[in-house]
Amino acid sequence: MARTTGSHSETTGPRVRAVAEHLFAKHGFAAVSMRQIAAEVGVQAGALYNY
């Protein structure tokens, strides 16, 4: 599916990284799932692979 004009990839990528770093620091790398990161960022888990 093509991106819409309301797409915010320029802010979502850095947000994914920031949220992942926060969760890794809080819970440890092995305890964090893609679904947890996606839920915090507000995207579908599969969308994380784009970032």
PDB file of N, CA and C in Angstrom:
ATOM      1  N   MET A   1       0.843  -1.177   0.000  1.00  0.00           N
ATOM      2  CA  MET A   1       0.000   0.000   0.000  1.00  0.00           C
ATOM      3  C   MET A   1       0.890   1.243   0.000  1.00  0.00           C
ATOM      4  N   ALA A   2       0.580   2.193  -0.797  1.00  0.00           N
ATOM      5  CA  ALA A   2       1.364   3.419  -0.902  1.00  0.00           C
ATOM      6  C   ALA A   2       1.128   4.317   0.301  1.00  0.00           C
ATOM      7  N   ARG A   3       2.129   5.102   0.602  1.00  0.00           N
ATOM      8  CA  ARG A   3       1.994   6.063   1.694  1.00  0.00           C
ATOM      9  C   ARG A   3       1.015   7.154   1.309  1.00  0.00           C
ATOM     10  N   THR A   4       0.314   7.634   2.298  1.00  0.00           N
ATOM     11  CA  THR A   4      -0.615   8.736   2.060  1.00  0.00           C
ATOM     12  C   THR A   4       0.105  10.058   2.280  1.00  0.00           C
ATOM     13  N   THR A   5      -0.533  11.144   1.914  1.00  0.00           N
ATOM     14  CA  THR A   5       0.093  12.453   2.086  1.00  0.00           C
ATOM     15  C   THR A   5       0.237  12.814   3.556  1.00  0.00           C
ATOM     16  N   GLY A   6      -0.488  12.157   4.424  1.00  0.00           N
ATOM     17  CA  GLY A   6      -0.389  12.420   5.858  1.00  0.00           C
ATOM     18  C   GLY A   6       0.685  11.601   6.550  1.00  0.00           C
ATOM     19  N   SER A   7       1.501  10.901   5.789  1.00  0.00           N
ATOM     20  CA  SER A   7       2.549  10.052   6.340  1.00  0.00           C
ATOM     21  C   SER A   7       3.589  10.889   7.085  1.00  0.00           C
ATOM     22  N   HIS A   8       4.053  10.372   8.202  1.00  0.00           N
ATOM     23  CA  HIS A   8       5.007  11.106   9.038  1.00  0.00           C
ATOM     24  C   HIS A   8       6.290  10.307   9.248  1.00  0.00           C
ATOM     25  N   SER A   9       6.821   9.729   8.196  1.00  0.00           N
ATOM     26  CA  SER A   9       7.989   8.869   8.336  1.00  0.00           C
ATOM     27  C   SER A   9       9.207   9.607   8.873  1.00  0.00           C
ATOM     28  N   GLU A  10       9.312  10.904   8.607  1.00  0.00           N
ATOM     29  CA  GLU A  10      10.480  11.655   9.091  1.00  0.00           C
ATOM     30  C   GLU A  10      10.476  11.790  10.608  1.00  0.00           C
ATOM     31  N   THR A  11       9.336  11.672  11.245  1.00  0.00           N
ATOM     32  CA  THR A  11       9.283  11.713  12.708  1.00  0.00           C
ATOM     33  C   THR A  11       9.105  10.328  13.311  1.00  0.00           C
ATOM     34  N   THR A  12       8.527   9.404  12.557  1.00  0.00           N
ATOM     35  CA  THR A  12       8.278   8.069  13.096  1.00  0.00           C
ATOM     36  C   THR A  12       9.571   7.289  13.281  1.00  0.00           C
ATOM     37  N   GLY A  13      10.487   7.370  12.335  1.00  0.00           N
ATOM     38  CA  GLY A  13      11.757   6.649  12.443  1.00  0.00           C
ATOM     39  C   GLY A  13      12.517   7.002  13.712  1.00  0.00           C
ATOM     40  N   PRO A  14      12.770   8.281  13.963  1.00  0.00           N
ATOM     41  CA  PRO A  14      13.446   8.657  15.204  1.00  0.00           C
ATOM     42  C   PRO A  14      12.651   8.268  16.452  1.00  0.00           C
ATOM     43  N   ARG A  15      11.328   8.328  16.364  1.00  0.00           N
ATOM     44  CA  ARG A  15      10.493   7.933  17.508  1.00  0.00           C
ATOM     45  C   ARG A  15      10.628   6.439  17.785  1.00  0.00           C
ATOM     46  N   VAL A  16      10.673   5.621  16.741  1.00  0.00           N
ATOM     47  CA  VAL A  16      10.863   4.178  16.914  1.00  0.00           C
ATOM     48  C   VAL A  16      12.172   3.918  17.643  1.00  0.00           C
ATOM     49  N   ARG A  17      13.241   4.568  17.213  1.00  0.00           N
ATOM     50  CA  ARG A  17      14.541   4.365  17.846  1.00  0.00           C
ATOM     51  C   ARG A  17      14.540   4.821  19.298  1.00  0.00           C
ATOM     52  N   ALA A  18      13.935   5.969  19.577  1.00  0.00           N
ATOM     53  CA  ALA A  18      13.899   6.485  20.946  1.00  0.00           C
ATOM     54  C   ALA A  18      13.097   5.570  21.863  1.00  0.00           C
ATOM     55  N   VAL A  19      11.954   5.115  21.394  1.00  0.00           N
ATOM     56  CA  VAL A  19      11.114   4.222  22.199  1.00  0.00           C
ATOM     57  C   VAL A  19      11.833   2.897  22.431  1.00  0.00           C
ATOM     58  N   ALA A  20      12.453   2.352  21.392  1.00  0.00           N
ATOM     59  CA  ALA A  20      13.176   1.088  21.539  1.00  0.00           C
ATOM     60  C   ALA A  20      14.301   1.226  22.559  1.00  0.00           C
ATOM     61  N   GLU A  21      15.073   2.295  22.483  1.00  0.00           N
ATOM     62  CA  GLU A  21      16.156   2.512  23.445  1.00  0.00           C
ATOM     63  C   GLU A  21      15.619   2.606  24.865  1.00  0.00           C
ATOM     64  N   HIS A  22      14.512   3.312  25.035  1.00  0.00           N
ATOM     65  CA  HIS A  22      13.906   3.449  26.361  1.00  0.00           C
ATOM     66  C   HIS A  22      13.464   2.087  26.906  1.00  0.00           C
ATOM     67  N   LEU A  23      12.767   1.315  26.072  1.00  0.00           N
ATOM     68  CA  LEU A  23      12.293   0.005  26.519  1.00  0.00           C
ATOM     69  C   LEU A  23      13.449  -0.954  26.784  1.00  0.00           C
ATOM     70  N   PHE A  24      14.498  -0.909  25.963  1.00  0.00           N
ATOM     71  CA  PHE A  24      15.659  -1.765  26.192  1.00  0.00           C
ATOM     72  C   PHE A  24      16.324  -1.415  27.515  1.00  0.00           C
ATOM     73  N   ALA A  25      16.443  -0.135  27.811  1.00  0.00           N
ATOM     74  CA  ALA A  25      17.063   0.290  29.067  1.00  0.00           C
ATOM     75  C   ALA A  25      16.217  -0.114  30.268  1.00  0.00           C
ATOM     76  N   LYS A  26      14.914  -0.056  30.106  1.00  0.00           N
ATOM     77  CA  LYS A  26      14.005  -0.352  31.216  1.00  0.00           C
ATOM     78  C   LYS A  26      13.846  -1.854  31.464  1.00  0.00           C
ATOM     79  N   HIS A  27      13.706  -2.638  30.374  1.00  0.00           N
ATOM     80  CA  HIS A  27      13.376  -4.056  30.513  1.00  0.00           C
ATOM     81  C   HIS A  27      14.489  -5.006  30.071  1.00  0.00           C
ATOM     82  N   GLY A  28      15.487  -4.506  29.368  1.00  0.00           N
ATOM     83  CA  GLY A  28      16.519  -5.366  28.801  1.00  0.00           C
ATOM     84  C   GLY A  28      16.154  -5.761  27.378  1.00  0.00           C
ATOM     85  N   PHE A  29      17.171  -5.918  26.560  1.00  0.00           N
ATOM     86  CA  PHE A  29      16.967  -6.200  25.133  1.00  0.00           C
ATOM     87  C   PHE A  29      16.134  -7.458  24.902  1.00  0.00           C
ATOM     88  N   ALA A  30      16.445  -8.526  25.630  1.00  0.00           N
ATOM     89  CA  ALA A  30      15.779  -9.811  25.409  1.00  0.00           C
ATOM     90  C   ALA A  30      14.312  -9.808  25.825  1.00  0.00           C
ATOM     91  N   ALA A  31      13.916  -8.867  26.661  1.00  0.00           N
ATOM     92  CA  ALA A  31      12.547  -8.849  27.182  1.00  0.00           C
ATOM     93  C   ALA A  31      11.602  -7.957  26.385  1.00  0.00           C
ATOM     94  N   VAL A  32      12.104  -7.268  25.367  1.00  0.00           N
ATOM     95  CA  VAL A  32      11.274  -6.325  24.606  1.00  0.00           C
ATOM     96  C   VAL A  32      10.878  -6.946  23.271  1.00  0.00           C
ATOM     97  N   SER A  33       9.603  -6.829  22.928  1.00  0.00           N
ATOM     98  CA  SER A  33       9.118  -7.379  21.660  1.00  0.00           C
ATOM     99  C   SER A  33       8.830  -6.258  20.664  1.00  0.00           C
ATOM    100  N   MET A  34       8.746  -6.647  19.415  1.00  0.00           N
ATOM    101  CA  MET A  34       8.382  -5.691  18.368  1.00  0.00           C
ATOM    102  C   MET A  34       6.991  -5.123  18.633  1.00  0.00           C
ATOM    103  N   ARG A  35       6.107  -5.950  19.147  1.00  0.00           N
ATOM    104  CA  ARG A  35       4.748  -5.488  19.442  1.00  0.00           C
ATOM    105  C   ARG A  35       4.741  -4.431  20.537  1.00  0.00           C
ATOM    106  N   GLN A  36       5.606  -4.576  21.530  1.00  0.00           N
ATOM    107  CA  GLN A  36       5.693  -3.560  22.581  1.00  0.00           C
ATOM    108  C   GLN A  36       6.163  -2.228  22.004  1.00  0.00           C
ATOM    109  N   ILE A  37       7.185  -2.282  21.184  1.00  0.00           N
ATOM    110  CA  ILE A  37       7.705  -1.061  20.571  1.00  0.00           C
ATOM    111  C   ILE A  37       6.622  -0.420  19.705  1.00  0.00           C
ATOM    112  N   ALA A  38       5.974  -1.226  18.880  1.00  0.00           N
ATOM    113  CA  ALA A  38       4.928  -0.708  17.998  1.00  0.00           C
ATOM    114  C   ALA A  38       3.793  -0.071  18.791  1.00  0.00           C
ATOM    115  N   ALA A  39       3.389  -0.700  19.880  1.00  0.00           N
ATOM    116  CA  ALA A  39       2.300  -0.158  20.696  1.00  0.00           C
ATOM    117  C   ALA A  39       2.676   1.194  21.280  1.00  0.00           C
ATOM    118  N   GLU A  40       3.910   1.333  21.734  1.00  0.00           N
ATOM    119  CA  GLU A  40       4.370   2.607  22.301  1.00  0.00           C
ATOM    120  C   GLU A  40       4.439   3.705  21.243  1.00  0.00           C
ATOM    121  N   VAL A  41       4.859   3.336  20.048  1.00  0.00           N
ATOM    122  CA  VAL A  41       4.999   4.308  18.964  1.00  0.00           C
ATOM    123  C   VAL A  41       3.644   4.651  18.353  1.00  0.00           C
ATOM    124  N   GLY A  42       2.736   3.668  18.350  1.00  0.00           N
ATOM    125  CA  GLY A  42       1.419   3.886  17.763  1.00  0.00           C
ATOM    126  C   GLY A  42       1.325   3.460  16.313  1.00  0.00           C
ATOM    127  N   VAL A  43       2.102   2.436  15.950  1.00  0.00           N
ATOM    128  CA  VAL A  43       2.060   1.890  14.594  1.00  0.00           C
ATOM    129  C   VAL A  43       1.814   0.388  14.674  1.00  0.00           C
ATOM    130  N   GLN A  44       1.525  -0.235  13.538  1.00  0.00           N
ATOM    131  CA  GLN A  44       1.388  -1.685  13.478  1.00  0.00           C
ATOM    132  C   GLN A  44       2.777  -2.312  13.589  1.00  0.00           C
ATOM    133  N   ALA A  45       2.855  -3.493  14.195  1.00  0.00           N
ATOM    134  CA  ALA A  45       4.148  -4.150  14.398  1.00  0.00           C
ATOM    135  C   ALA A  45       4.893  -4.358  13.079  1.00  0.00           C
ATOM    136  N   GLY A  46       4.193  -4.733  12.023  1.00  0.00           N
ATOM    137  CA  GLY A  46       4.837  -4.946  10.731  1.00  0.00           C
ATOM    138  C   GLY A  46       5.443  -3.689  10.147  1.00  0.00           C
ATOM    139  N   ALA A  47       4.902  -2.545  10.501  1.00  0.00           N
ATOM    140  CA  ALA A  47       5.415  -1.273   9.983  1.00  0.00           C
ATOM    141  C   ALA A  47       6.805  -0.964  10.517  1.00  0.00           C
ATOM    142  N   LEU A  48       7.186  -1.547  11.645  1.00  0.00           N
ATOM    143  CA  LEU A  48       8.507  -1.276  12.217  1.00  0.00           C
ATOM    144  C   LEU A  48       9.627  -1.709  11.282  1.00  0.00           C
ATOM    145  N   TYR A  49       9.381  -2.709  10.464  1.00  0.00           N
ATOM    146  CA  TYR A  49      10.418  -3.196   9.554  1.00  0.00           C
ATOM    147  C   TYR A  49      10.765  -2.161   8.486  1.00  0.00           C
ATOM    148  N   ASN A  50       9.936  -1.148   8.321  1.00  0.00           N
ATOM    149  CA  ASN A  50      10.240  -0.062   7.387  1.00  0.00           C
ATOM    150  C   ASN A  50      11.221   0.941   7.980  1.00  0.00           C
ATOM    151  N   TYR A  51      11.438   0.860   9.269  1.00  0.00           N
ATOM    152  CA  TYR A  51      12.302   1.814   9.947  1.00  0.00           C
ATOM    153  C   TYR A  51      13.536   1.128  10.458  1.00  0.00           C
TER     154      TYR A  51
END
